[in-house]
PDB file of all heavy atoms in Angstrom:
ATOM      1  N   ARG A   1      21.304  -2.630   4.250  1.00  0.00           N
ATOM      2  CA  ARG A   1      19.966  -2.856   4.597  1.00  0.00           C
ATOM      3  C   ARG A   1      19.443  -1.956   5.726  1.00  0.00           C
ATOM      4  O   ARG A   1      18.315  -1.389   5.658  1.00  0.00           O
ATOM      5  CB  ARG A   1      19.702  -4.403   5.056  1.00  0.00           C
ATOM      6  CG  ARG A   1      18.465  -4.740   5.571  1.00  0.00           C
ATOM      7  CD  ARG A   1      17.233  -4.491   4.594  1.00  0.00           C
ATOM      8  NE  ARG A   1      15.961  -4.644   5.240  1.00  0.00           N
ATOM      9  CZ  ARG A   1      15.451  -3.676   5.914  1.00  0.00           C
ATOM     10  NH1 ARG A   1      15.938  -2.488   6.073  1.00  0.00           N
ATOM     11  NH2 ARG A   1      14.179  -3.873   6.492  1.00  0.00           N
ATOM     12  N   LYS A   2      20.338  -1.761   6.726  1.00  0.00           N
ATOM     13  CA  LYS A   2      19.968  -0.874   7.849  1.00  0.00           C
ATOM     14  C   LYS A   2      19.826   0.537   7.320  1.00  0.00           C
ATOM     15  O   LYS A   2      18.903   1.289   7.688  1.00  0.00           O
ATOM     16  CB  LYS A   2      21.043  -1.024   8.957  1.00  0.00           C
ATOM     17  CG  LYS A   2      20.668  -0.329  10.205  1.00  0.00           C
ATOM     18  CD  LYS A   2      21.764  -0.545  11.313  1.00  0.00           C
ATOM     19  CE  LYS A   2      21.403   0.166  12.600  1.00  0.00           C
ATOM     20  NZ  LYS A   2      22.397  -0.039  13.573  1.00  0.00           N
ATOM     21  N   LEU A   3      20.818   0.946   6.478  1.00  0.00           N
ATOM     22  CA  LEU A   3      20.829   2.306   5.895  1.00  0.00           C
ATOM     23  C   LEU A   3      19.541   2.565   5.056  1.00  0.00           C
ATOM     24  O   LEU A   3      18.920   3.637   5.072  1.00  0.00           O
ATOM     25  CB  LEU A   3      22.020   2.511   5.067  1.00  0.00           C
ATOM     26  CG  LEU A   3      22.304   3.754   4.385  1.00  0.00           C
ATOM     27  CD1 LEU A   3      22.521   4.889   5.447  1.00  0.00           C
ATOM     28  CD2 LEU A   3      23.597   3.683   3.465  1.00  0.00           C
ATOM     29  N   ALA A   4      19.159   1.574   4.233  1.00  0.00           N
ATOM     30  CA  ALA A   4      18.052   1.693   3.306  1.00  0.00           C
ATOM     31  C   ALA A   4      16.728   1.954   4.000  1.00  0.00           C
ATOM     32  O   ALA A   4      15.729   2.497   3.398  1.00  0.00           O
ATOM     33  CB  ALA A   4      17.931   0.516   2.433  1.00  0.00           C
ATOM     34  N   ALA A   5      16.592   1.610   5.341  1.00  0.00           N
ATOM     35  CA  ALA A   5      15.330   1.815   6.010  1.00  0.00           C
ATOM     36  C   ALA A   5      15.020   3.395   6.099  1.00  0.00           C
ATOM     37  O   ALA A   5      13.866   3.771   6.404  1.00  0.00           O
ATOM     38  CB  ALA A   5      15.483   1.254   7.434  1.00  0.00           C
ATOM     39  N   ASN A   6      16.069   4.184   5.898  1.00  0.00           N
ATOM     40  CA  ASN A   6      15.832   5.646   5.947  1.00  0.00           C
ATOM     41  C   ASN A   6      14.944   6.144   4.785  1.00  0.00           C
ATOM     42  O   ASN A   6      14.322   7.189   4.861  1.00  0.00           O
ATOM     43  CB  ASN A   6      17.177   6.369   5.906  1.00  0.00           C
ATOM     44  CG  ASN A   6      17.956   6.290   7.114  1.00  0.00           C
ATOM     45  OD1 ASN A   6      17.493   6.854   8.202  1.00  0.00           O
ATOM     46  ND2 ASN A   6      19.004   5.633   7.175  1.00  0.00           N
ATOM     47  N   ILE A   7      14.870   5.338   3.705  1.00  0.00           N
ATOM     48  CA  ILE A   7      14.033   5.821   2.533  1.00  0.00           C
ATOM     49  C   ILE A   7      12.571   5.929   2.979  1.00  0.00           C
ATOM     50  O   ILE A   7      11.940   6.928   2.858  1.00  0.00           O
ATOM     51  CB  ILE A   7      14.208   4.786   1.405  1.00  0.00           C
ATOM     52  CG1 ILE A   7      15.682   4.698   0.949  1.00  0.00           C
ATOM     53  CG2 ILE A   7      13.327   5.203   0.233  1.00  0.00           C
ATOM     54  CD1 ILE A   7      16.000   3.589  -0.034  1.00  0.00           C
ATOM     55  N   SER A   8      12.088   4.842   3.559  1.00  0.00           N
ATOM     56  CA  SER A   8      10.637   4.859   3.966  1.00  0.00           C
ATOM     57  C   SER A   8      10.507   5.793   5.095  1.00  0.00           C
ATOM     58  O   SER A   8       9.398   6.391   5.330  1.00  0.00           O
ATOM     59  CB  SER A   8      10.151   3.418   4.304  1.00  0.00           C
ATOM     60  OG  SER A   8      10.931   2.835   5.304  1.00  0.00           O
ATOM     61  N   LEU A   9      11.461   5.825   6.006  1.00  0.00           N
ATOM     62  CA  LEU A   9      11.394   6.763   7.223  1.00  0.00           C
ATOM     63  C   LEU A   9      11.093   8.165   6.793  1.00  0.00           C
ATOM     64  O   LEU A   9      10.168   8.745   7.247  1.00  0.00           O
ATOM     65  CB  LEU A   9      12.711   6.635   7.994  1.00  0.00           C
ATOM     66  CG  LEU A   9      12.817   7.625   9.138  1.00  0.00           C
ATOM     67  CD1 LEU A   9      11.941   7.363  10.272  1.00  0.00           C
ATOM     68  CD2 LEU A   9      14.263   7.726   9.664  1.00  0.00           C
ATOM     69  N   TYR A  10      11.897   8.667   5.830  1.00  0.00           N
ATOM     70  CA  TYR A  10      11.692   9.982   5.391  1.00  0.00           C
ATOM     71  C   TYR A  10      10.457  10.222   4.511  1.00  0.00           C
ATOM     72  O   TYR A  10       9.810  11.290   4.523  1.00  0.00           O
ATOM     73  CB  TYR A  10      12.950  10.537   4.602  1.00  0.00           C
ATOM     74  CG  TYR A  10      14.077  10.829   5.665  1.00  0.00           C
ATOM     75  CD1 TYR A  10      15.199  10.110   5.565  1.00  0.00           C
ATOM     76  CD2 TYR A  10      13.896  11.710   6.599  1.00  0.00           C
ATOM     77  CE1 TYR A  10      16.237  10.347   6.514  1.00  0.00           C
ATOM     78  CE2 TYR A  10      14.889  12.040   7.611  1.00  0.00           C
ATOM     79  CZ  TYR A  10      16.075  11.261   7.538  1.00  0.00           C
ATOM     80  OH  TYR A  10      17.051  11.566   8.398  1.00  0.00           O
ATOM     81  N   LEU A  11      10.026   9.160   3.722  1.00  0.00           N
ATOM     82  CA  LEU A  11       8.767   9.252   3.047  1.00  0.00           C
ATOM     83  C   LEU A  11       7.591   9.436   3.990  1.00  0.00           C
ATOM     84  O   LEU A  11       6.774  10.232   3.904  1.00  0.00           O
ATOM     85  CB  LEU A  11       8.536   8.004   2.230  1.00  0.00           C
ATOM     86  CG  LEU A  11       9.366   7.855   0.940  1.00  0.00           C
ATOM     87  CD1 LEU A  11       8.946   6.576   0.200  1.00  0.00           C
ATOM     88  CD2 LEU A  11       9.242   9.032   0.077  1.00  0.00           C
ATOM     89  N   PHE A  12       7.598   8.578   5.061  1.00  0.00           N
ATOM     90  CA  PHE A  12       6.471   8.743   6.056  1.00  0.00           C
ATOM     91  C   PHE A  12       6.536  10.103   6.856  1.00  0.00           C
ATOM     92  O   PHE A  12       5.572  10.731   7.059  1.00  0.00           O
ATOM     93  CB  PHE A  12       6.484   7.608   7.073  1.00  0.00           C
ATOM     94  CG  PHE A  12       5.854   6.336   6.416  1.00  0.00           C
ATOM     95  CD1 PHE A  12       6.784   5.276   6.101  1.00  0.00           C
ATOM     96  CD2 PHE A  12       4.571   6.182   6.180  1.00  0.00           C
ATOM     97  CE1 PHE A  12       6.189   4.035   5.544  1.00  0.00           C
ATOM     98  CE2 PHE A  12       4.028   5.081   5.560  1.00  0.00           C
ATOM     99  CZ  PHE A  12       4.839   4.044   5.261  1.00  0.00           C
ATOM    100  N   GLU A  13       7.762  10.496   7.133  1.00  0.00           N
ATOM    101  CA  GLU A  13       7.933  11.850   7.834  1.00  0.00           C
ATOM    102  C   GLU A  13       7.465  12.967   6.922  1.00  0.00           C
ATOM    103  O   GLU A  13       7.083  13.999   7.459  1.00  0.00           O
ATOM    104  CB  GLU A  13       9.470  11.990   8.153  1.00  0.00           C
ATOM    105  CG  GLU A  13       9.931  11.209   9.353  1.00  0.00           C
ATOM    106  CD  GLU A  13       9.433  11.810  10.704  1.00  0.00           C
ATOM    107  OE1 GLU A  13       9.179  12.979  10.751  1.00  0.00           O
ATOM    108  OE2 GLU A  13       9.127  10.915  11.584  1.00  0.00           O
ATOM    109  N   SER A  14       7.611  12.786   5.630  1.00  0.00           N
ATOM    110  CA  SER A  14       7.246  13.870   4.746  1.00  0.00           C
ATOM    111  C   SER A  14       5.816  14.139   4.821  1.00  0.00           C
ATOM    112  O   SER A  14       5.298  15.273   4.442  1.00  0.00           O
ATOM    113  CB  SER A  14       7.707  13.511   3.281  1.00  0.00           C
ATOM    114  OG  SER A  14       6.848  12.567   2.697  1.00  0.00           O
ATOM    115  N   ARG A  15       5.004  13.146   5.127  1.00  0.00           N
ATOM    116  CA  ARG A  15       3.512  13.429   5.333  1.00  0.00           C
ATOM    117  C   ARG A  15       3.288  14.553   6.337  1.00  0.00           C
ATOM    118  O   ARG A  15       2.444  15.455   6.181  1.00  0.00           O
ATOM    119  CB  ARG A  15       2.754  12.168   5.685  1.00  0.00           C
ATOM    120  CG  ARG A  15       2.484  11.259   4.506  1.00  0.00           C
ATOM    121  CD  ARG A  15       1.813  10.099   5.087  1.00  0.00           C
ATOM    122  NE  ARG A  15       1.261   9.204   3.967  1.00  0.00           N
ATOM    123  CZ  ARG A  15       0.844   7.967   4.176  1.00  0.00           C
ATOM    124  NH1 ARG A  15       0.931   7.431   5.402  1.00  0.00           N
ATOM    125  NH2 ARG A  15       0.336   7.278   3.173  1.00  0.00           N
ATOM    126  N   ARG A  16       4.044  14.391   7.471  1.00  0.00           N
ATOM    127  CA  ARG A  16       3.932  15.383   8.582  1.00  0.00           C
ATOM    128  C   ARG A  16       4.490  16.803   8.018  1.00  0.00           C
ATOM    129  O   ARG A  16       3.849  17.828   8.283  1.00  0.00           O
ATOM    130  CB  ARG A  16       4.629  14.996   9.804  1.00  0.00           C
ATOM    131  CG  ARG A  16       3.871  14.009  10.621  1.00  0.00           C
ATOM    132  CD  ARG A  16       4.460  13.797  11.967  1.00  0.00           C
ATOM    133  NE  ARG A  16       5.555  12.930  12.019  1.00  0.00           N
ATOM    134  CZ  ARG A  16       5.521  11.589  12.064  1.00  0.00           C
ATOM    135  NH1 ARG A  16       4.330  11.100  12.136  1.00  0.00           N
ATOM    136  NH2 ARG A  16       6.646  10.934  12.013  1.00  0.00           N
ATOM    137  N   PHE A  17       5.595  16.728   7.358  1.00  0.00           N
ATOM    138  CA  PHE A  17       6.244  17.926   6.842  1.00  0.00           C
ATOM    139  C   PHE A  17       5.294  18.672   5.924  1.00  0.00           C
ATOM    140  O   PHE A  17       5.138  19.869   5.853  1.00  0.00           O
ATOM    141  CB  PHE A  17       7.496  17.549   6.120  1.00  0.00           C
ATOM    142  CG  PHE A  17       8.386  18.662   5.659  1.00  0.00           C
ATOM    143  CD1 PHE A  17       9.350  19.233   6.437  1.00  0.00           C
ATOM    144  CD2 PHE A  17       8.119  19.297   4.431  1.00  0.00           C
ATOM    145  CE1 PHE A  17      10.090  20.364   6.029  1.00  0.00           C
ATOM    146  CE2 PHE A  17       8.900  20.316   3.961  1.00  0.00           C
ATOM    147  CZ  PHE A  17       9.868  20.848   4.773  1.00  0.00           C
ATOM    148  N   ALA A  18       4.505  17.871   5.095  1.00  0.00           N
ATOM    149  CA  ALA A  18       3.666  18.389   4.044  1.00  0.00           C
ATOM    150  C   ALA A  18       2.486  19.136   4.650  1.00  0.00           C
ATOM    151  O   ALA A  18       1.993  20.074   3.969  1.00  0.00           O
ATOM    152  CB  ALA A  18       3.216  17.266   3.148  1.00  0.00           C
ATOM    153  N   ARG A  19       2.130  18.907   5.866  1.00  0.00           N
ATOM    154  CA  ARG A  19       0.973  19.600   6.525  1.00  0.00           C
ATOM    155  C   ARG A  19       1.298  21.096   6.717  1.00  0.00           C
ATOM    156  O   ARG A  19       0.429  21.938   6.798  1.00  0.00           O
ATOM    157  CB  ARG A  19       0.621  18.919   7.834  1.00  0.00           C
ATOM    158  CG  ARG A  19      -0.027  17.632   7.714  1.00  0.00           C
ATOM    159  CD  ARG A  19      -0.423  17.075   9.030  1.00  0.00           C
ATOM    160  NE  ARG A  19      -0.499  15.592   9.071  1.00  0.00           N
ATOM    161  CZ  ARG A  19       0.008  14.765   9.935  1.00  0.00           C
ATOM    162  NH1 ARG A  19       0.649  15.283  10.994  1.00  0.00           N
ATOM    163  NH2 ARG A  19      -0.178  13.508   9.821  1.00  0.00           N
ATOM    164  N   ARG A  20       2.612  21.443   6.851  1.00  0.00           N
ATOM    165  CA  ARG A  20       2.963  22.739   7.194  1.00  0.00           C
ATOM    166  C   ARG A  20       3.691  23.422   5.969  1.00  0.00           C
ATOM    167  O   ARG A  20       4.143  24.573   6.149  1.00  0.00           O
ATOM    168  CB  ARG A  20       3.892  22.768   8.386  1.00  0.00           C
ATOM    169  CG  ARG A  20       3.397  21.974   9.545  1.00  0.00           C
ATOM    170  CD  ARG A  20       4.347  22.105  10.753  1.00  0.00           C
ATOM    171  NE  ARG A  20       5.737  21.644  10.449  1.00  0.00           N
ATOM    172  CZ  ARG A  20       6.086  20.364  10.471  1.00  0.00           C
ATOM    173  NH1 ARG A  20       5.177  19.444  10.819  1.00  0.00           N
ATOM    174  NH2 ARG A  20       7.274  20.004  10.206  1.00  0.00           N
ATOM    175  N   ASN A  21       3.991  22.679   4.957  1.00  0.00           N
ATOM    176  CA  ASN A  21       4.781  23.243   3.855  1.00  0.00           C
ATOM    177  C   ASN A  21       4.247  23.011   2.431  1.00  0.00           C
ATOM    178  O   ASN A  21       3.327  22.237   2.283  1.00  0.00           O
ATOM    179  CB  ASN A  21       6.252  22.595   4.024  1.00  0.00           C
ATOM    180  CG  ASN A  21       6.995  22.965   5.163  1.00  0.00           C
ATOM    181  OD1 ASN A  21       7.524  24.036   5.347  1.00  0.00           O
ATOM    182  ND2 ASN A  21       6.898  22.084   6.242  1.00  0.00           N
ATOM    183  N   THR A  22       4.804  23.709   1.550  1.00  0.00           N
ATOM    184  CA  THR A  22       4.372  23.564   0.140  1.00  0.00           C
ATOM    185  C   THR A  22       4.846  22.223  -0.421  1.00  0.00           C
ATOM    186  O   THR A  22       5.732  21.548   0.101  1.00  0.00           O
ATOM    187  CB  THR A  22       5.003  24.716  -0.782  1.00  0.00           C
ATOM    188  OG1 THR A  22       6.454  24.461  -0.833  1.00  0.00           O
ATOM    189  CG2 THR A  22       4.654  26.070  -0.229  1.00  0.00           C
ATOM    190  N   LEU A  23       4.203  21.848  -1.531  1.00  0.00           N
ATOM    191  CA  LEU A  23       4.601  20.622  -2.218  1.00  0.00           C
ATOM    192  C   LEU A  23       6.016  20.630  -2.714  1.00  0.00           C
ATOM    193  O   LEU A  23       6.797  19.702  -2.434  1.00  0.00           O
ATOM    194  CB  LEU A  23       3.677  20.329  -3.413  1.00  0.00           C
ATOM    195  CG  LEU A  23       3.782  19.060  -4.178  1.00  0.00           C
ATOM    196  CD1 LEU A  23       2.449  18.543  -4.655  1.00  0.00           C
ATOM    197  CD2 LEU A  23       4.810  19.127  -5.314  1.00  0.00           C
ATOM    198  N   LEU A  24       6.536  21.763  -3.291  1.00  0.00           N
ATOM    199  CA  LEU A  24       7.840  21.838  -3.732  1.00  0.00           C
ATOM    200  C   LEU A  24       8.845  21.803  -2.604  1.00  0.00           C
ATOM    201  O   LEU A  24       9.911  21.175  -2.823  1.00  0.00           O
ATOM    202  CB  LEU A  24       8.018  23.053  -4.594  1.00  0.00           C
ATOM    203  CG  LEU A  24       7.176  23.084  -5.881  1.00  0.00           C
ATOM    204  CD1 LEU A  24       7.429  24.380  -6.696  1.00  0.00           C
ATOM    205  CD2 LEU A  24       7.559  21.907  -6.769  1.00  0.00           C
ATOM    206  N   ALA A  25       8.601  22.315  -1.462  1.00  0.00           N
ATOM    207  CA  ALA A  25       9.369  22.305  -0.305  1.00  0.00           C
ATOM    208  C   ALA A  25       9.445  20.919   0.209  1.00  0.00           C
ATOM    209  O   ALA A  25      10.484  20.411   0.646  1.00  0.00           O
ATOM    210  CB  ALA A  25       8.894  23.289   0.750  1.00  0.00           C
ATOM    211  N   THR A  26       8.335  20.196   0.214  1.00  0.00           N
ATOM    212  CA  THR A  26       8.315  18.805   0.724  1.00  0.00           C
ATOM    213  C   THR A  26       9.177  17.862  -0.222  1.00  0.00           C
ATOM    214  O   THR A  26       9.920  17.063   0.263  1.00  0.00           O
ATOM    215  CB  THR A  26       6.821  18.304   0.677  1.00  0.00           C
ATOM    216  OG1 THR A  26       6.011  19.127   1.558  1.00  0.00           O
ATOM    217  CG2 THR A  26       6.773  16.868   1.189  1.00  0.00           C
ATOM    218  N   ARG A  27       9.053  18.116  -1.462  1.00  0.00           N
ATOM    219  CA  ARG A  27       9.871  17.310  -2.436  1.00  0.00           C
ATOM    220  C   ARG A  27      11.350  17.501  -2.181  1.00  0.00           C
ATOM    221  O   ARG A  27      12.113  16.571  -2.057  1.00  0.00           O
ATOM    222  CB  ARG A  27       9.480  17.658  -3.857  1.00  0.00           C
ATOM    223  CG  ARG A  27      10.365  17.092  -4.954  1.00  0.00           C
ATOM    224  CD  ARG A  27       9.871  17.419  -6.356  1.00  0.00           C
ATOM    225  NE  ARG A  27      10.816  16.838  -7.378  1.00  0.00           N
ATOM    226  CZ  ARG A  27      11.947  17.429  -7.796  1.00  0.00           C
ATOM    227  NH1 ARG A  27      12.353  18.552  -7.245  1.00  0.00           N
ATOM    228  NH2 ARG A  27      12.688  16.798  -8.677  1.00  0.00           N
ATOM    229  N   GLN A  28      11.791  18.842  -1.971  1.00  0.00           N
ATOM    230  CA  GLN A  28      13.208  19.047  -1.795  1.00  0.00           C
ATOM    231  C   GLN A  28      13.663  18.481  -0.393  1.00  0.00           C
ATOM    232  O   GLN A  28      14.747  17.964  -0.293  1.00  0.00           O
ATOM    233  CB  GLN A  28      13.438  20.568  -1.845  1.00  0.00           C
ATOM    234  CG  GLN A  28      14.923  20.928  -1.983  1.00  0.00           C
ATOM    235  CD  GLN A  28      15.590  20.294  -3.251  1.00  0.00           C
ATOM    236  OE1 GLN A  28      14.912  20.389  -4.340  1.00  0.00           O
ATOM    237  NE2 GLN A  28      16.672  19.646  -3.109  1.00  0.00           N
ATOM    238  N   TRP A  29      12.753  18.567   0.587  1.00  0.00           N
ATOM    239  CA  TRP A  29      13.126  18.074   1.922  1.00  0.00           C
ATOM    240  C   TRP A  29      13.413  16.564   1.866  1.00  0.00           C
ATOM    241  O   TRP A  29      14.355  16.121   2.520  1.00  0.00           O
ATOM    242  CB  TRP A  29      11.973  18.397   2.891  1.00  0.00           C
ATOM    243  CG  TRP A  29      12.281  17.915   4.255  1.00  0.00           C
ATOM    244  CD1 TRP A  29      12.929  18.601   5.298  1.00  0.00           C
ATOM    245  CD2 TRP A  29      11.818  16.718   4.952  1.00  0.00           C
ATOM    246  NE1 TRP A  29      12.975  17.910   6.382  1.00  0.00           N
ATOM    247  CE2 TRP A  29      12.364  16.626   6.248  1.00  0.00           C
ATOM    248  CE3 TRP A  29      11.087  15.576   4.383  1.00  0.00           C
ATOM    249  CZ2 TRP A  29      12.085  15.594   7.048  1.00  0.00           C
ATOM    250  CZ3 TRP A  29      10.830  14.495   5.284  1.00  0.00           C
ATOM    251  CH2 TRP A  29      11.462  14.559   6.644  1.00  0.00           C
ATOM    252  N   VAL A  30      12.594  15.845   1.069  1.00  0.00           N
ATOM    253  CA  VAL A  30      12.815  14.397   1.082  1.00  0.00           C
ATOM    254  C   VAL A  30      14.136  14.114   0.378  1.00  0.00           C
ATOM    255  O   VAL A  30      14.909  13.240   0.844  1.00  0.00           O
ATOM    256  CB  VAL A  30      11.583  13.713   0.217  1.00  0.00           C
ATOM    257  CG1 VAL A  30      11.949  12.262  -0.086  1.00  0.00           C
ATOM    258  CG2 VAL A  30      10.326  13.733   1.080  1.00  0.00           C
ATOM    259  N   ILE A  31      14.393  14.819  -0.776  1.00  0.00           N
ATOM    260  CA  ILE A  31      15.671  14.539  -1.462  1.00  0.00           C
ATOM    261  C   ILE A  31      16.840  14.863  -0.581  1.00  0.00           C
ATOM    262  O   ILE A  31      17.778  14.106  -0.469  1.00  0.00           O
ATOM    263  CB  ILE A  31      15.674  15.418  -2.760  1.00  0.00           C
ATOM    264  CG1 ILE A  31      14.602  14.968  -3.792  1.00  0.00           C
ATOM    265  CG2 ILE A  31      17.019  15.439  -3.407  1.00  0.00           C
ATOM    266  CD1 ILE A  31      14.378  15.897  -4.968  1.00  0.00           C
ATOM    267  N   ASP A  32      16.806  16.008   0.103  1.00  0.00           N
ATOM    268  CA  ASP A  32      17.922  16.425   0.932  1.00  0.00           C
ATOM    269  C   ASP A  32      18.067  15.531   2.118  1.00  0.00           C
ATOM    270  O   ASP A  32      19.269  15.134   2.440  1.00  0.00           O
ATOM    271  CB  ASP A  32      17.733  17.863   1.441  1.00  0.00           C
ATOM    272  CG  ASP A  32      17.741  18.945   0.304  1.00  0.00           C
ATOM    273  OD1 ASP A  32      18.300  18.554  -0.767  1.00  0.00           O
ATOM    274  OD2 ASP A  32      17.312  20.001   0.555  1.00  0.00           O
ATOM    275  N   SER A  33      16.958  15.050   2.727  1.00  0.00           N
ATOM    276  CA  SER A  33      17.061  14.136   3.889  1.00  0.00           C
ATOM    277  C   SER A  33      17.697  12.867   3.547  1.00  0.00           C
ATOM    278  O   SER A  33      18.520  12.319   4.305  1.00  0.00           O
ATOM    279  CB  SER A  33      15.699  13.963   4.522  1.00  0.00           C
ATOM    280  OG  SER A  33      15.127  15.234   4.968  1.00  0.00           O
ATOM    281  N   ILE A  34      17.242  12.233   2.445  1.00  0.00           N
ATOM    282  CA  ILE A  34      17.797  10.953   2.019  1.00  0.00           C
ATOM    283  C   ILE A  34      19.228  11.060   1.606  1.00  0.00           C
ATOM    284  O   ILE A  34      20.121  10.267   1.968  1.00  0.00           O
ATOM    285  CB  ILE A  34      16.959  10.285   0.955  1.00  0.00           C
ATOM    286  CG1 ILE A  34      15.529   9.931   1.449  1.00  0.00           C
ATOM    287  CG2 ILE A  34      17.634   9.040   0.373  1.00  0.00           C
ATOM    288  CD1 ILE A  34      14.478   9.457   0.390  1.00  0.00           C
ATOM    289  N   ASN A  35      19.509  12.090   0.832  1.00  0.00           N
ATOM    290  CA  ASN A  35      20.940  12.271   0.351  1.00  0.00           C
ATOM    291  C   ASN A  35      21.927  12.588   1.596  1.00  0.00           C
ATOM    292  O   ASN A  35      23.052  12.332   1.449  1.00  0.00           O
ATOM    293  CB  ASN A  35      21.039  13.469  -0.650  1.00  0.00           C
ATOM    294  CG  ASN A  35      20.587  12.987  -1.966  1.00  0.00           C
ATOM    295  OD1 ASN A  35      20.535  11.768  -2.316  1.00  0.00           O
ATOM    296  ND2 ASN A  35      20.230  13.963  -2.842  1.00  0.00           N
ATOM    297  N   ALA A  36      21.375  13.036   2.667  1.00  0.00           N
ATOM    298  CA  ALA A  36      22.172  13.290   3.847  1.00  0.00           C
ATOM    299  C   ALA A  36      22.646  12.064   4.509  1.00  0.00           C
ATOM    300  O   ALA A  36      23.545  12.064   5.324  1.00  0.00           O
ATOM    301  CB  ALA A  36      21.439  14.259   4.884  1.00  0.00           C
ATOM    302  N   CYS A  37      22.059  10.978   4.248  1.00  0.00           N
ATOM    303  CA  CYS A  37      22.437   9.649   4.685  1.00  0.00           C
ATOM    304  C   CYS A  37      23.569   9.091   3.840  1.00  0.00           C
ATOM    305  O   CYS A  37      23.379   8.714   2.644  1.00  0.00           O
ATOM    306  CB  CYS A  37      21.301   8.647   4.725  1.00  0.00           C
ATOM    307  SG  CYS A  37      19.811   9.153   5.628  1.00  0.00           S
ATOM    308  N   GLN A  38      24.856   9.075   4.385  1.00  0.00           N
ATOM    309  CA  GLN A  38      25.952   8.619   3.616  1.00  0.00           C
ATOM    310  C   GLN A  38      25.751   7.135   3.074  1.00  0.00           C
ATOM    311  O   GLN A  38      25.491   6.280   3.880  1.00  0.00           O
ATOM    312  CB  GLN A  38      27.219   8.752   4.475  1.00  0.00           C
ATOM    313  CG  GLN A  38      28.432   8.649   3.602  1.00  0.00           C
ATOM    314  CD  GLN A  38      29.711   8.944   4.388  1.00  0.00           C
ATOM    315  OE1 GLN A  38      29.618   9.194   5.567  1.00  0.00           O
ATOM    316  NE2 GLN A  38      30.906   8.793   3.796  1.00  0.00           N
ATOM    317  N   GLY A  39      25.828   7.004   1.759  1.00  0.00           N
ATOM    318  CA  GLY A  39      25.611   5.707   1.124  1.00  0.00           C
ATOM    319  C   GLY A  39      24.284   5.615   0.401  1.00  0.00           C
ATOM    320  O   GLY A  39      24.051   4.703  -0.354  1.00  0.00           O
ATOM    321  N   LEU A  40      23.413   6.647   0.528  1.00  0.00           N
ATOM    322  CA  LEU A  40      22.172   6.720  -0.216  1.00  0.00           C
ATOM    323  C   LEU A  40      22.253   7.895  -1.193  1.00  0.00           C
ATOM    324  O   LEU A  40      22.755   9.011  -0.821  1.00  0.00           O
ATOM    325  CB  LEU A  40      20.966   6.930   0.768  1.00  0.00           C
ATOM    326  CG  LEU A  40      20.609   5.794   1.740  1.00  0.00           C
ATOM    327  CD1 LEU A  40      19.377   6.170   2.498  1.00  0.00           C
ATOM    328  CD2 LEU A  40      20.444   4.454   1.046  1.00  0.00           C
ATOM    329  N   GLU A  41      21.741   7.707  -2.405  1.00  0.00           N
ATOM    330  CA  GLU A  41      21.715   8.726  -3.379  1.00  0.00           C
ATOM    331  C   GLU A  41      20.423   8.723  -4.156  1.00  0.00           C
ATOM    332  O   GLU A  41      20.135   7.735  -4.779  1.00  0.00           O
ATOM    333  CB  GLU A  41      22.911   8.678  -4.326  1.00  0.00           C
ATOM    334  CG  GLU A  41      22.978   9.794  -5.342  1.00  0.00           C
ATOM    335  CD  GLU A  41      24.113   9.681  -6.292  1.00  0.00           C
ATOM    336  OE1 GLU A  41      24.872   8.701  -6.198  1.00  0.00           O
ATOM    337  OE2 GLU A  41      24.152  10.513  -7.225  1.00  0.00           O
ATOM    338  N   VAL A  42      19.701   9.791  -4.042  1.00  0.00           N
ATOM    339  CA  VAL A  42      18.342   9.833  -4.731  1.00  0.00           C
ATOM    340  C   VAL A  42      18.620  10.083  -6.221  1.00  0.00           C
ATOM    341  O   VAL A  42      19.301  10.946  -6.596  1.00  0.00           O
ATOM    342  CB  VAL A  42      17.510  11.017  -4.144  1.00  0.00           C
ATOM    343  CG1 VAL A  42      16.241  11.178  -5.009  1.00  0.00           C
ATOM    344  CG2 VAL A  42      17.153  10.850  -2.738  1.00  0.00           C
ATOM    345  N   GLU A  43      17.974   9.153  -6.957  1.00  0.00           N
ATOM    346  CA  GLU A  43      18.035   9.335  -8.528  1.00  0.00           C
ATOM    347  C   GLU A  43      16.886  10.260  -8.883  1.00  0.00           C
ATOM    348  O   GLU A  43      17.160  11.179  -9.725  1.00  0.00           O
ATOM    349  CB  GLU A  43      17.809   7.998  -9.173  1.00  0.00           C
ATOM    350  CG  GLU A  43      17.906   7.976 -10.659  1.00  0.00           C
ATOM    351  CD  GLU A  43      17.773   6.623 -11.252  1.00  0.00           C
ATOM    352  OE1 GLU A  43      18.544   5.734 -10.921  1.00  0.00           O
ATOM    353  OE2 GLU A  43      16.947   6.422 -12.115  1.00  0.00           O
ATOM    354  N   TYR A  44      15.736  10.143  -8.263  1.00  0.00           N
ATOM    355  CA  TYR A  44      14.627  11.170  -8.475  1.00  0.00           C
ATOM    356  C   TYR A  44      13.649  10.997  -7.341  1.00  0.00           C
ATOM    357  O   TYR A  44      13.531   9.935  -6.730  1.00  0.00           O
ATOM    358  CB  TYR A  44      13.960  11.024  -9.862  1.00  0.00           C
ATOM    359  CG  TYR A  44      13.206   9.765 -10.011  1.00  0.00           C
ATOM    360  CD1 TYR A  44      11.900   9.509  -9.406  1.00  0.00           C
ATOM    361  CD2 TYR A  44      13.706   8.631 -10.779  1.00  0.00           C
ATOM    362  CE1 TYR A  44      11.208   8.386  -9.619  1.00  0.00           C
ATOM    363  CE2 TYR A  44      13.052   7.515 -10.939  1.00  0.00           C
ATOM    364  CZ  TYR A  44      11.842   7.287 -10.377  1.00  0.00           C
ATOM    365  OH  TYR A  44      11.135   6.133 -10.482  1.00  0.00           O
TER     366      TYR A  44
END
């Protein structure tokens, strides 16, 4: 449950990231950031 909070954390962070980056870069950043949390795996 504690680990899963990272999902929404990176979604909200991605709004800030998106202001300075392309859509495709933002998508990849979210996937990489969540997958970097051991125990979380992005399906899509």
